Amino acid sequence: MERSTASARGRAGFGGFPEEQERRLTVRVRFAPSPTGFLHVGGARTALFNWLYARRAGGTFLLRVEDTDRARSRPEHTRAILEGLAWLGLDVDEGPVFQADGVERHRRDALALLGQGAAYRCFCTAEELAARREEAQRAGSGYGYDGRCRRLDPVVSRARADAGEPFALRVRVPEEAIEWEDMIHGPMSFPAGSIDDFIILRSDGTPVYNLAVVSDDAEAGITHVIRGDDHLSNTPKQILLYRALGRPLPGFGHVPLILGPDGKRLSKRHGALSVLAYRDGGYLPAGMVNFLALLGWSPGDDREVFDVGALVEAFSIGRVLKKSAVFDLEKLGWLNGRHIADAPAADLAVAVVEILGREAREEGGELAGSHPGLETSPERLARIIALVKGRPRTLPALARQVSPFFAASVRYDEAAVKRFWKRPEETAFHLRRLAERLAGEAAFRDVETLESEVRGLAAELDVGAGRIINPLRVALMGQGVSPGIFEVLEAMGRERALARIGAAVRFLEARLPTA
């Protein structure tokens, strides 16, 4: 394969669409996963680019499940693929259709090519082909099909077939370069002689991938095929099949692969998990879609945070990068955190309650007992989520920020205790005095009043406000970081705040040396 020096754009038979022609097309694209595994990051990105292309053009997004590998295809994988697309919000306009349902059409197309002389019968057995390949390897040369059955007299070929001798069907590859204008890479060319006569129908009558794909895409009226770079070697073969079948060529666009941070092909150790694993890990679909879009696509400016509507408006296949993208789990976390921060608090509440409930059950408790009032205070929950949602990067992290406001008790972070409660006697004294100032309902009138009370105590005790605020944060939240402490006090409420301060005082007093 090489880059063509002459542009193929607009030339008939090379898959290029002049811009004025493309505008007249009703765009039809497809995502065609195999149900031999779950929907992983690479497949999800391919689906997203097709979906964005269709939505930007007002076209159609079709789903085809390529299930002809019966030995490895599983219904549960099909369900997981559909569930993953639905979670990402990639609504399908047509389908799913199943490739296995088109097998008879695939065979008819193969036999049509045989009938018109574009394909021929190959009687070479698998053992014979393997022996020739081994012989070529021993000679130190590359192996390609030598075309011996291509040279058979048609009468002899038919007679052998009529006698019951098994055969496959091979395409007669012409001695010419195969060129097309790739939507992403530009002019592409496979030189003459670089492609052997390839099989389209096996000796058992089953169609080979390239024939099935061309037959299915032509039948569905697919106008643009957007897929991974790993399909580049299939494209010239498919172009030959489109020509031989007399079907109009789609445009082809090949998206570079995704690499891990070490520059190697993305794998599970890099984070190439099912998209549903990211869902279960607490990522938002909006964050995942935003991240996937930026894996190999650039908007042409400095923007990084997009909602789906902005992605549709900004997307252009011409801005998909030619080089491989690098999967950055840190970037995914940052983007997801931005989407959590931007999401309405009420939209996050259901997930927070579900996570805290699951954790409570895992610890052997009931949600109502471990987080009293959580499910019966939706307005208060939304207010607290709004207060804390600026920091967390995942939904479980958000739930951990919400938990202290409703939990019956908190666990004190050891590092925070060492840093902010290192003088137990003094800290217990300060917290007792603070509890006295906050005992009246008037202190909790608003955030400003609470700040006045806390800072007033610091002035009265002639200490810096941090000597009160930081120990108070540990008392209330169990940790050394939190949103603004006065907003925390107000959101937690008088009764629970005073209970937390009292528990902290008892904890500190238990650490004091006895006389």
Protein backbone atom coordinates (compact mmCIF):
# COMPACT_ATOMS: atom_id res chain seq x y z
CA MET A 1 0.00 0.00 0.00
CA GLU A 2 1.21 3.50 -0.75
CA ARG A 3 -0.10 7.01 -0.95
CA SER A 4 -1.21 7.84 -4.47
CA THR A 5 0.52 10.87 -5.94
CA ALA A 6 -2.44 11.69 -8.15
CA SER A 7 -5.65 12.67 -6.45
CA ALA A 8 -8.43 10.18 -6.99
CA ARG A 9 -11.16 12.52 -5.72
CA GLY A 10 -14.18 12.40 -7.95
CA ARG A 11 -12.92 9.64 -10.24
CA ALA A 12 -15.51 6.97 -10.92
CA GLY A 13 -14.77 3.64 -9.26
CA PHE A 14 -12.33 4.89 -6.62
CA GLY A 15 -14.72 5.71 -3.78
CA GLY A 16 -14.16 9.45 -3.87
CA PHE A 17 -17.09 11.86 -3.66
CA PRO A 18 -16.75 15.43 -4.93
CA GLU A 19 -18.17 17.83 -2.37
CA GLU A 20 -21.09 18.86 -4.59
CA GLN A 21 -22.00 15.18 -5.13
CA GLU A 22 -21.69 14.40 -1.42
CA ARG A 23 -24.14 17.17 -0.58
CA ARG A 24 -26.73 15.54 -2.85
CA LEU A 25 -26.34 12.17 -1.14
CA THR A 26 -28.54 11.02 1.67
CA VAL A 27 -25.78 9.91 4.00
CA ARG A 28 -26.11 6.33 5.21
CA VAL A 29 -23.41 4.93 7.49
CA ARG A 30 -23.19 1.80 9.56
CA PHE A 31 -21.49 0.35 12.61
CA ALA A 32 -20.84 -3.36 12.12
CA PRO A 33 -19.48 -5.08 15.24
CA SER A 34 -18.94 -8.82 15.61
CA PRO A 35 -20.71 -10.35 18.64
CA THR A 36 -17.58 -12.23 19.66
CA GLY A 37 -16.90 -9.85 22.55
CA PHE A 38 -18.24 -6.79 24.31
CA LEU A 39 -18.27 -3.22 23.01
CA HIS A 40 -14.79 -1.94 23.79
CA VAL A 41 -13.27 1.53 23.52
CA GLY A 42 -12.08 1.17 19.92
CA GLY A 43 -15.41 -0.10 18.65
CA ALA A 44 -17.30 2.53 20.61
CA ARG A 45 -15.19 5.29 19.04
CA THR A 46 -15.88 3.89 15.54
CA ALA A 47 -19.60 3.82 16.32
CA LEU A 48 -19.44 7.38 17.63
CA PHE A 49 -17.66 8.76 14.55
CA ASN A 50 -20.24 7.11 12.29
CA TRP A 51 -23.09 8.42 14.45
CA LEU A 52 -21.69 11.97 14.52
CA TYR A 53 -21.16 11.90 10.76
CA ALA A 54 -24.76 10.83 10.21
CA ARG A 55 -26.20 13.34 12.66
CA ARG A 56 -24.12 16.21 11.25
CA ALA A 57 -25.33 15.41 7.72
CA GLY A 58 -28.94 14.64 8.68
CA GLY A 59 -28.36 11.07 7.52
CA THR A 60 -29.02 7.54 8.74
CA PHE A 61 -27.03 5.47 11.26
CA LEU A 62 -27.47 1.72 10.79
CA LEU A 63 -26.36 -1.13 13.05
CA ARG A 64 -25.36 -4.45 11.51
CA VAL A 65 -24.27 -7.35 13.70
CA GLU A 66 -21.70 -9.41 11.80
CA ASP A 67 -22.56 -12.76 13.31
CA THR A 68 -21.40 -15.16 10.58
CA ASP A 69 -18.71 -16.58 12.90
CA ARG A 70 -21.16 -18.91 14.57
CA ALA A 71 -18.53 -20.63 16.69
CA ARG A 72 -17.58 -17.40 18.51
CA SER A 73 -20.74 -15.29 18.28
CA ARG A 74 -22.75 -15.07 21.49
CA PRO A 75 -26.23 -13.58 22.09
CA GLU A 76 -25.01 -12.06 25.34
CA HIS A 77 -22.36 -10.15 23.40
CA THR A 78 -24.99 -8.79 21.04
CA ARG A 79 -27.05 -7.66 24.03
CA ALA A 80 -24.00 -6.02 25.60
CA ILE A 81 -23.20 -4.17 22.36
CA LEU A 82 -26.76 -2.86 22.14
CA GLU A 83 -26.70 -1.91 25.82
CA GLY A 84 -23.37 -0.12 25.39
CA LEU A 85 -24.60 1.91 22.42
CA ALA A 86 -27.78 2.80 24.29
CA TRP A 87 -25.80 3.92 27.36
CA LEU A 88 -23.63 6.15 25.19
CA GLY A 89 -26.77 7.65 23.66
CA LEU A 90 -25.93 6.49 20.11
CA ASP A 91 -29.46 5.89 18.91
CA VAL A 92 -29.76 3.60 15.91
CA ASP A 93 -31.99 4.62 12.99
CA GLU A 94 -32.11 1.18 11.34
CA GLY A 95 -31.36 -2.23 12.75
CA PRO A 96 -29.93 -4.17 14.21
CA VAL A 97 -29.76 -6.34 11.12
CA PHE A 98 -27.80 -9.58 11.25
CA GLN A 99 -25.24 -10.54 8.65
CA ALA A 100 -26.11 -14.22 8.95
CA ASP A 101 -29.58 -13.43 7.56
CA GLY A 102 -27.98 -12.41 4.27
CA VAL A 103 -25.99 -15.58 3.59
CA GLU A 104 -28.14 -16.66 0.63
CA ARG A 105 -27.73 -13.24 -0.96
CA HIS A 106 -23.96 -13.45 -0.39
CA ARG A 107 -23.90 -16.78 -2.22
CA ARG A 108 -25.98 -15.42 -5.09
CA ASP A 109 -23.56 -12.52 -5.49
CA ALA A 110 -20.59 -14.91 -5.50
CA LEU A 111 -22.22 -17.14 -8.12
CA ALA A 112 -23.09 -14.08 -10.20
CA LEU A 113 -19.38 -13.20 -10.28
CA LEU A 114 -18.60 -16.76 -11.35
CA GLY A 115 -21.20 -16.57 -14.10
CA GLN A 116 -19.80 -13.38 -15.56
CA GLY A 117 -16.20 -14.57 -15.39
CA ALA A 118 -15.10 -12.22 -12.62
CA ALA A 119 -14.51 -15.23 -10.35
CA TYR A 120 -13.38 -18.81 -10.97
CA ARG A 121 -13.43 -22.18 -9.24
CA CYS A 122 -10.37 -23.12 -7.20
CA PHE A 123 -9.94 -26.84 -6.49
CA CYS A 124 -6.76 -26.45 -4.41
CA THR A 125 -7.17 -28.15 -1.05
CA ALA A 126 -6.15 -26.63 2.27
CA GLU A 127 -3.35 -29.19 2.52
CA GLU A 128 -2.01 -28.29 -0.92
CA LEU A 129 -2.05 -24.60 -0.13
CA ALA A 130 -0.28 -25.21 3.21
CA ALA A 131 2.42 -27.29 1.47
CA ARG A 132 3.09 -24.52 -1.07
CA ARG A 133 3.26 -21.95 1.69
CA GLU A 134 5.82 -24.05 3.60
CA GLU A 135 7.86 -24.54 0.45
CA ALA A 136 7.93 -20.78 -0.17
CA GLN A 137 9.02 -20.17 3.43
CA ARG A 138 11.86 -22.69 3.08
CA ALA A 139 12.95 -20.88 -0.07
CA GLY A 140 12.90 -17.59 1.81
CA SER A 141 10.23 -16.03 -0.41
CA GLY A 142 6.79 -14.70 0.34
CA TYR A 143 3.80 -16.82 -0.57
CA GLY A 144 0.93 -15.71 -2.76
CA TYR A 145 -1.62 -17.81 -4.58
CA ASP A 146 -0.03 -18.80 -7.88
CA GLY A 147 -3.26 -18.70 -9.93
CA ARG A 148 -3.05 -22.27 -11.19
CA CYS A 149 -6.82 -22.81 -11.07
CA ARG A 150 -7.31 -19.50 -12.84
CA ARG A 151 -5.67 -21.10 -15.87
CA LEU A 152 -8.02 -24.09 -15.95
CA ASP A 153 -10.09 -24.52 -19.09
CA PRO A 154 -13.69 -23.50 -18.20
CA VAL A 155 -15.01 -26.77 -19.60
CA VAL A 156 -12.63 -28.77 -17.39
CA SER A 157 -13.52 -26.63 -14.39
CA ARG A 158 -17.23 -27.21 -14.84
CA ALA A 159 -16.71 -30.94 -15.36
CA ARG A 160 -14.74 -31.29 -12.14
CA ALA A 161 -17.43 -29.38 -10.27
CA ASP A 162 -20.19 -31.49 -11.81
CA ALA A 163 -18.29 -34.59 -10.70
CA GLY A 164 -18.62 -33.42 -7.11
CA GLU A 165 -15.08 -32.19 -6.52
CA PRO A 166 -15.10 -29.49 -3.80
CA PHE A 167 -14.08 -26.00 -4.84
CA ALA A 168 -13.88 -22.46 -3.54
CA LEU A 169 -14.52 -19.33 -5.59
CA ARG A 170 -11.72 -16.83 -6.15
CA VAL A 171 -11.90 -13.34 -7.67
CA ARG A 172 -9.83 -12.61 -10.77
CA VAL A 173 -7.80 -9.63 -9.58
CA PRO A 174 -6.92 -7.37 -12.54
CA GLU A 175 -3.33 -6.29 -13.14
CA GLU A 176 -3.86 -2.67 -12.18
CA ALA A 177 -3.41 -0.39 -9.21
CA ILE A 178 -6.38 0.00 -6.91
CA GLU A 179 -6.83 3.60 -5.82
CA TRP A 180 -9.30 5.56 -3.78
CA GLU A 181 -9.57 8.91 -2.06
CA ASP A 182 -9.71 8.13 1.64
CA MET A 183 -11.85 10.51 3.67
CA ILE A 184 -9.14 10.67 6.34
CA HIS A 185 -5.82 9.71 4.73
CA GLY A 186 -6.36 11.26 1.30
CA PRO A 187 -5.23 9.51 -1.92
CA MET A 188 -4.41 5.84 -1.35
CA SER A 189 -3.05 3.23 -3.77
CA PHE A 190 -2.35 -0.50 -3.78
CA PRO A 191 -0.03 -1.19 -6.74
CA ALA A 192 -0.72 -3.79 -9.41
CA GLY A 193 0.29 -7.28 -8.30
CA SER A 194 0.05 -6.56 -4.57
CA ILE A 195 -3.22 -8.48 -4.19
CA ASP A 196 -3.62 -12.19 -4.98
CA ASP A 197 -6.77 -13.72 -6.37
CA PHE A 198 -8.70 -13.99 -3.12
CA ILE A 199 -11.43 -16.39 -2.00
CA ILE A 200 -14.99 -15.08 -1.76
CA LEU A 201 -16.84 -18.37 -1.21
CA ARG A 202 -15.35 -21.29 0.72
CA SER A 203 -15.60 -24.88 -0.44
CA ASP A 204 -18.36 -25.49 2.14
CA GLY A 205 -20.44 -22.74 0.54
CA THR A 206 -19.95 -20.12 3.25
CA PRO A 207 -19.12 -16.56 2.17
CA VAL A 208 -15.87 -14.86 3.13
CA TYR A 209 -15.87 -11.58 5.08
CA ASN A 210 -15.08 -9.21 2.22
CA LEU A 211 -17.86 -10.52 -0.01
CA ALA A 212 -20.41 -10.48 2.83
CA VAL A 213 -19.53 -6.91 3.78
CA VAL A 214 -19.78 -5.60 0.21
CA SER A 215 -23.05 -7.46 -0.39
CA ASP A 216 -24.53 -6.12 2.87
CA ASP A 217 -23.34 -2.54 2.42
CA ALA A 218 -24.57 -2.43 -1.18
CA GLU A 219 -27.94 -3.89 -0.19
CA ALA A 220 -28.30 -1.31 2.61
CA GLY A 221 -27.28 1.59 0.37
CA ILE A 222 -24.34 2.56 2.59
CA THR A 223 -22.77 5.74 1.22
CA HIS A 224 -19.76 6.06 3.53
CA VAL A 225 -17.76 3.35 5.31
CA ILE A 226 -15.94 4.74 8.35
CA ARG A 227 -13.88 2.13 10.18
CA GLY A 228 -10.48 1.42 11.74
CA ASP A 229 -7.12 1.42 10.00
CA ASP A 230 -6.96 -2.35 10.53
CA HIS A 231 -9.41 -2.63 7.61
CA LEU A 232 -7.17 -0.78 5.14
CA SER A 233 -5.98 -4.02 3.51
CA ASN A 234 -9.62 -5.07 2.97
CA THR A 235 -10.57 -1.91 1.09
CA PRO A 236 -8.92 -2.62 -2.29
CA LYS A 237 -10.48 -6.10 -2.33
CA GLN A 238 -13.87 -4.61 -1.55
CA ILE A 239 -13.46 -1.96 -4.25
CA LEU A 240 -12.82 -4.77 -6.76
CA LEU A 241 -15.98 -6.54 -5.60
CA TYR A 242 -18.09 -3.37 -5.89
CA ARG A 243 -16.84 -2.91 -9.44
CA ALA A 244 -17.42 -6.53 -10.41
CA LEU A 245 -20.95 -6.51 -8.96
CA GLY A 246 -21.72 -3.23 -10.70
CA ARG A 247 -22.60 -1.48 -7.42
CA PRO A 248 -21.80 2.18 -6.66
CA LEU A 249 -18.78 2.67 -4.42
CA PRO A 250 -19.17 4.23 -0.99
CA GLY A 251 -16.65 6.70 0.35
CA PHE A 252 -14.06 5.06 2.60
CA GLY A 253 -12.54 6.59 5.72
CA HIS A 254 -10.05 4.75 7.91
CA VAL A 255 -9.62 5.92 11.48
CA PRO A 256 -6.14 5.44 12.99
CA LEU A 257 -5.90 2.94 15.82
CA ILE A 258 -5.82 3.78 19.53
CA LEU A 259 -2.54 3.20 21.35
CA GLY A 260 -1.73 2.84 25.01
CA PRO A 261 0.53 5.40 26.75
CA ASP A 262 3.50 3.11 25.98
CA GLY A 263 2.89 3.42 22.24
CA LYS A 264 1.66 -0.16 21.87
CA ARG A 265 -1.73 -1.21 20.61
CA LEU A 266 -4.42 -0.61 23.19
CA SER A 267 -5.13 -3.57 25.44
CA LYS A 268 -6.86 -4.29 28.74
CA ARG A 269 -3.80 -3.27 30.71
CA HIS A 270 -4.14 0.23 29.23
CA GLY A 271 -7.86 0.51 29.99
CA ALA A 272 -9.39 -1.12 26.89
CA LEU A 273 -12.40 -2.32 28.82
CA SER A 274 -16.01 -2.75 27.81
CA VAL A 275 -17.80 0.60 27.79
CA LEU A 276 -20.21 -0.95 30.28
CA ALA A 277 -17.29 -1.42 32.66
CA TYR A 278 -16.81 2.35 32.56
CA ARG A 279 -20.52 2.81 33.18
CA ASP A 280 -20.30 0.50 36.20
CA GLY A 281 -17.18 2.36 37.33
CA GLY A 282 -19.13 5.59 37.66
CA TYR A 283 -18.42 7.42 34.42
CA LEU A 284 -21.15 9.46 32.79
CA PRO A 285 -22.11 8.72 29.19
CA ALA A 286 -21.54 12.40 28.37
CA GLY A 287 -17.99 12.19 29.74
CA MET A 288 -17.25 8.97 27.89
CA VAL A 289 -18.61 10.31 24.58
CA ASN A 290 -16.60 13.51 24.97
CA PHE A 291 -13.44 11.48 25.64
CA LEU A 292 -14.01 9.08 22.73
CA ALA A 293 -14.60 11.97 20.33
CA LEU A 294 -11.24 13.50 21.19
CA LEU A 295 -9.44 10.18 20.60
CA GLY A 296 -8.18 11.06 17.15
CA TRP A 297 -10.43 14.02 16.29
CA SER A 298 -9.79 17.71 16.80
CA PRO A 299 -12.34 20.53 16.65
CA GLY A 300 -9.67 22.84 15.23
CA ASP A 301 -9.52 25.05 18.33
CA ASP A 302 -8.71 24.72 22.03
CA ARG A 303 -12.08 23.36 23.15
CA GLU A 304 -12.02 20.10 25.06
CA VAL A 305 -15.33 19.91 26.93
CA PHE A 306 -18.30 19.18 24.67
CA ASP A 307 -21.84 18.10 25.20
CA VAL A 308 -23.35 15.89 22.53
CA GLY A 309 -25.09 18.74 20.72
CA ALA A 310 -21.83 20.68 20.45
CA LEU A 311 -20.03 17.58 19.16
CA VAL A 312 -22.59 17.09 16.40
CA GLU A 313 -22.28 20.73 15.40
CA ALA A 314 -18.47 20.69 15.41
CA PHE A 315 -17.77 17.25 13.95
CA SER A 316 -16.05 16.96 10.59
CA ILE A 317 -14.53 13.76 9.23
CA GLY A 318 -11.84 15.91 7.66
CA ARG A 319 -10.57 16.81 11.13
CA VAL A 320 -9.97 13.20 12.15
CA LEU A 321 -6.23 12.94 12.67
CA LYS A 322 -4.07 10.69 10.51
CA LYS A 323 -1.88 9.55 13.39
CA SER A 324 -2.86 7.14 16.14
CA ALA A 325 -4.54 8.48 19.26
CA VAL A 326 -3.23 7.72 22.75
CA PHE A 327 -5.63 6.46 25.41
CA ASP A 328 -5.20 8.62 28.51
CA LEU A 329 -7.16 7.41 31.54
CA GLU A 330 -6.22 10.59 33.40
CA LYS A 331 -7.81 12.67 30.63
CA LEU A 332 -10.95 10.56 30.79
CA GLY A 333 -11.17 11.17 34.53
CA TRP A 334 -10.70 14.92 34.09
CA LEU A 335 -13.35 15.17 31.39
CA ASN A 336 -15.78 13.04 33.37
CA GLY A 337 -15.24 15.29 36.37
CA ARG A 338 -16.10 18.30 34.24
CA HIS A 339 -19.33 16.67 33.12
CA ILE A 340 -20.23 15.75 36.70
CA ALA A 341 -19.61 19.36 37.72
CA ASP A 342 -21.81 20.63 34.87
CA ALA A 343 -24.65 18.14 35.39
CA PRO A 344 -27.78 19.27 37.26
CA ALA A 345 -27.56 18.00 40.83
CA ALA A 346 -31.01 16.40 40.62
CA ASP A 347 -29.83 14.30 37.65
CA LEU A 348 -27.02 12.83 39.75
CA ALA A 349 -29.12 12.08 42.81
CA VAL A 350 -30.47 8.69 41.68
CA ALA A 351 -26.96 7.37 41.02
CA VAL A 352 -25.69 8.66 44.38
CA VAL A 353 -28.51 6.98 46.30
CA GLU A 354 -27.98 3.72 44.38
CA ILE A 355 -24.22 3.69 45.09
CA LEU A 356 -24.60 4.49 48.78
CA GLY A 357 -27.33 1.87 49.09
CA ARG A 358 -25.16 -0.78 47.43
CA GLU A 359 -22.23 0.06 49.70
CA ALA A 360 -24.45 -0.08 52.75
CA ARG A 361 -25.74 -3.52 51.78
CA GLU A 362 -22.20 -4.76 51.13
CA GLU A 363 -21.27 -3.65 54.64
CA GLY A 364 -24.25 -5.52 56.04
CA GLY A 365 -26.38 -2.47 56.80
CA GLU A 366 -29.50 -0.90 55.43
CA LEU A 367 -29.42 2.40 53.64
CA ALA A 368 -31.90 4.05 55.98
CA GLY A 369 -29.80 3.08 58.98
CA SER A 370 -26.39 3.98 57.56
CA HIS A 371 -27.53 7.20 55.84
CA PRO A 372 -30.66 8.33 57.69
CA GLY A 373 -32.81 10.80 55.79
CA LEU A 374 -31.04 10.29 52.47
CA GLU A 375 -33.98 8.91 50.51
CA THR A 376 -36.54 11.17 52.18
CA SER A 377 -34.74 14.47 51.60
CA PRO A 378 -34.48 14.91 47.80
CA GLU A 379 -34.20 18.69 47.95
CA ARG A 380 -31.50 18.57 50.61
CA LEU A 381 -29.67 15.84 48.69
CA ALA A 382 -29.70 17.94 45.52
CA ARG A 383 -28.40 20.94 47.47
CA ILE A 384 -25.54 18.88 48.92
CA ILE A 385 -24.66 17.37 45.55
CA ALA A 386 -24.53 20.87 44.08
CA LEU A 387 -22.13 21.80 46.87
CA VAL A 388 -19.67 18.93 46.37
CA LYS A 389 -19.89 17.97 42.69
CA GLY A 390 -17.07 20.26 41.55
CA ARG A 391 -14.26 17.92 42.66
CA PRO A 392 -15.16 14.23 42.08
CA ARG A 393 -14.22 12.53 38.81
CA THR A 394 -16.54 9.55 39.08
CA LEU A 395 -19.97 8.90 40.56
CA PRO A 396 -18.61 6.71 43.40
CA ALA A 397 -16.23 9.54 44.29
CA LEU A 398 -19.22 11.91 44.30
CA ALA A 399 -21.14 9.51 46.53
CA ARG A 400 -18.18 9.47 48.95
CA GLN A 401 -18.38 13.27 49.12
CA VAL A 402 -22.12 13.14 49.82
CA SER A 403 -21.96 10.30 52.34
CA PRO A 404 -20.67 12.28 55.34
CA PHE A 405 -23.66 14.64 55.19
CA PHE A 406 -26.10 11.77 55.78
CA ALA A 407 -24.04 9.02 57.44
CA ALA A 408 -24.89 8.15 61.02
CA SER A 409 -21.17 8.50 61.81
CA VAL A 410 -17.93 9.19 59.97
CA ARG A 411 -14.55 7.52 59.90
CA TYR A 412 -11.64 9.88 60.49
CA ASP A 413 -8.93 9.87 57.87
CA GLU A 414 -5.68 9.00 59.65
CA ALA A 415 -3.60 11.52 57.70
CA ALA A 416 -6.10 14.29 58.46
CA VAL A 417 -6.10 13.38 62.17
CA LYS A 418 -2.30 13.52 62.31
CA ARG A 419 -2.20 16.86 60.57
CA PHE A 420 -5.11 18.77 62.07
CA TRP A 421 -5.72 17.03 65.42
CA LYS A 422 -2.11 16.77 66.53
CA ARG A 423 -2.89 18.75 69.73
CA PRO A 424 -5.84 16.71 71.08
CA GLU A 425 -6.39 18.73 74.25
CA GLU A 426 -6.39 22.09 72.52
CA THR A 427 -8.52 20.83 69.61
CA ALA A 428 -11.09 19.29 71.96
CA PHE A 429 -11.30 22.59 73.87
CA HIS A 430 -11.81 24.59 70.67
CA LEU A 431 -14.50 22.24 69.40
CA ARG A 432 -16.37 22.29 72.73
CA ARG A 433 -16.41 26.09 72.68
CA LEU A 434 -17.56 26.07 69.07
CA ALA A 435 -20.42 23.69 69.91
CA GLU A 436 -21.56 26.15 72.56
CA ARG A 437 -21.64 29.01 70.02
CA LEU A 438 -23.53 26.92 67.47
CA ALA A 439 -26.05 25.44 69.92
CA GLY A 440 -28.72 28.05 69.25
CA GLU A 441 -30.89 27.79 66.14
CA ALA A 442 -30.06 31.39 65.23
CA ALA A 443 -26.46 30.42 64.41
CA PHE A 444 -27.72 28.30 61.50
CA ARG A 445 -29.82 31.07 59.99
CA ASP A 446 -27.54 31.30 56.95
CA VAL A 447 -23.95 30.77 55.78
CA GLU A 448 -22.91 34.30 56.68
CA THR A 449 -24.05 33.86 60.29
CA LEU A 450 -22.19 30.58 60.60
CA GLU A 451 -19.00 32.17 59.28
CA SER A 452 -19.40 35.01 61.75
CA GLU A 453 -19.76 32.57 64.65
CA VAL A 454 -16.69 30.51 63.69
CA ARG A 455 -14.46 33.48 63.01
CA GLY A 456 -15.80 35.20 66.12
CA LEU A 457 -14.63 32.26 68.25
CA ALA A 458 -11.17 32.38 66.67
CA ALA A 459 -10.92 36.08 67.50
CA GLU A 460 -12.16 35.47 71.03
CA LEU A 461 -9.56 32.72 71.54
CA ASP A 462 -6.91 34.84 69.81
CA VAL A 463 -5.99 32.08 67.33
CA GLY A 464 -5.94 31.97 63.56
CA ALA A 465 -9.24 30.93 61.98
CA GLY A 466 -7.53 27.88 60.47
CA ARG A 467 -6.98 26.50 64.00
CA ILE A 468 -10.77 26.22 64.25
CA ILE A 469 -11.76 25.57 60.64
CA ASN A 470 -9.40 22.69 59.81
CA PRO A 471 -10.17 20.60 62.94
CA LEU A 472 -13.87 21.32 62.36
CA ARG A 473 -13.63 19.98 58.80
CA VAL A 474 -12.21 16.69 60.09
CA ALA A 475 -14.93 16.53 62.73
CA LEU A 476 -17.72 17.05 60.23
CA MET A 477 -16.43 15.23 57.15
CA GLY A 478 -13.80 12.84 58.52
CA GLN A 479 -11.22 14.21 56.08
CA GLY A 480 -8.94 17.15 55.53
CA VAL A 481 -10.56 18.52 52.37
CA SER A 482 -14.13 19.57 51.69
CA PRO A 483 -16.13 22.33 50.09
CA GLY A 484 -16.32 25.61 51.97
CA ILE A 485 -16.69 24.74 55.64
CA PHE A 486 -19.47 27.26 56.27
CA GLU A 487 -21.50 25.86 53.35
CA VAL A 488 -20.82 22.39 54.78
CA LEU A 489 -22.16 23.42 58.17
CA GLU A 490 -25.27 24.93 56.64
CA ALA A 491 -25.94 21.87 54.42
CA MET A 492 -25.33 19.38 57.24
CA GLY A 493 -27.76 21.11 59.56
CA ARG A 494 -27.59 22.03 63.22
CA GLU A 495 -28.50 18.67 64.77
CA ARG A 496 -26.05 16.55 62.77
CA ALA A 497 -23.25 19.12 62.92
CA LEU A 498 -23.44 19.31 66.70
CA ALA A 499 -23.53 15.49 66.93
CA ARG A 500 -20.38 15.28 64.78
CA ILE A 501 -18.58 17.88 66.87
CA GLY A 502 -19.55 16.02 70.06
CA ALA A 503 -18.28 12.72 68.63
CA ALA A 504 -14.99 14.37 67.67
CA VAL A 505 -14.56 15.77 71.18
CA ARG A 506 -15.09 12.32 72.69
CA PHE A 507 -12.61 10.81 70.24
CA LEU A 508 -10.00 13.42 71.16
CA GLU A 509 -10.60 13.14 74.90
CA ALA A 510 -10.10 9.38 74.68
CA ARG A 511 -6.61 10.10 73.35
CA LEU A 512 -5.62 12.33 76.26
CA PRO A 513 -3.21 10.85 78.80
CA THR A 514 -4.83 9.78 82.06
CA ALA A 515 -3.64 11.22 85.36
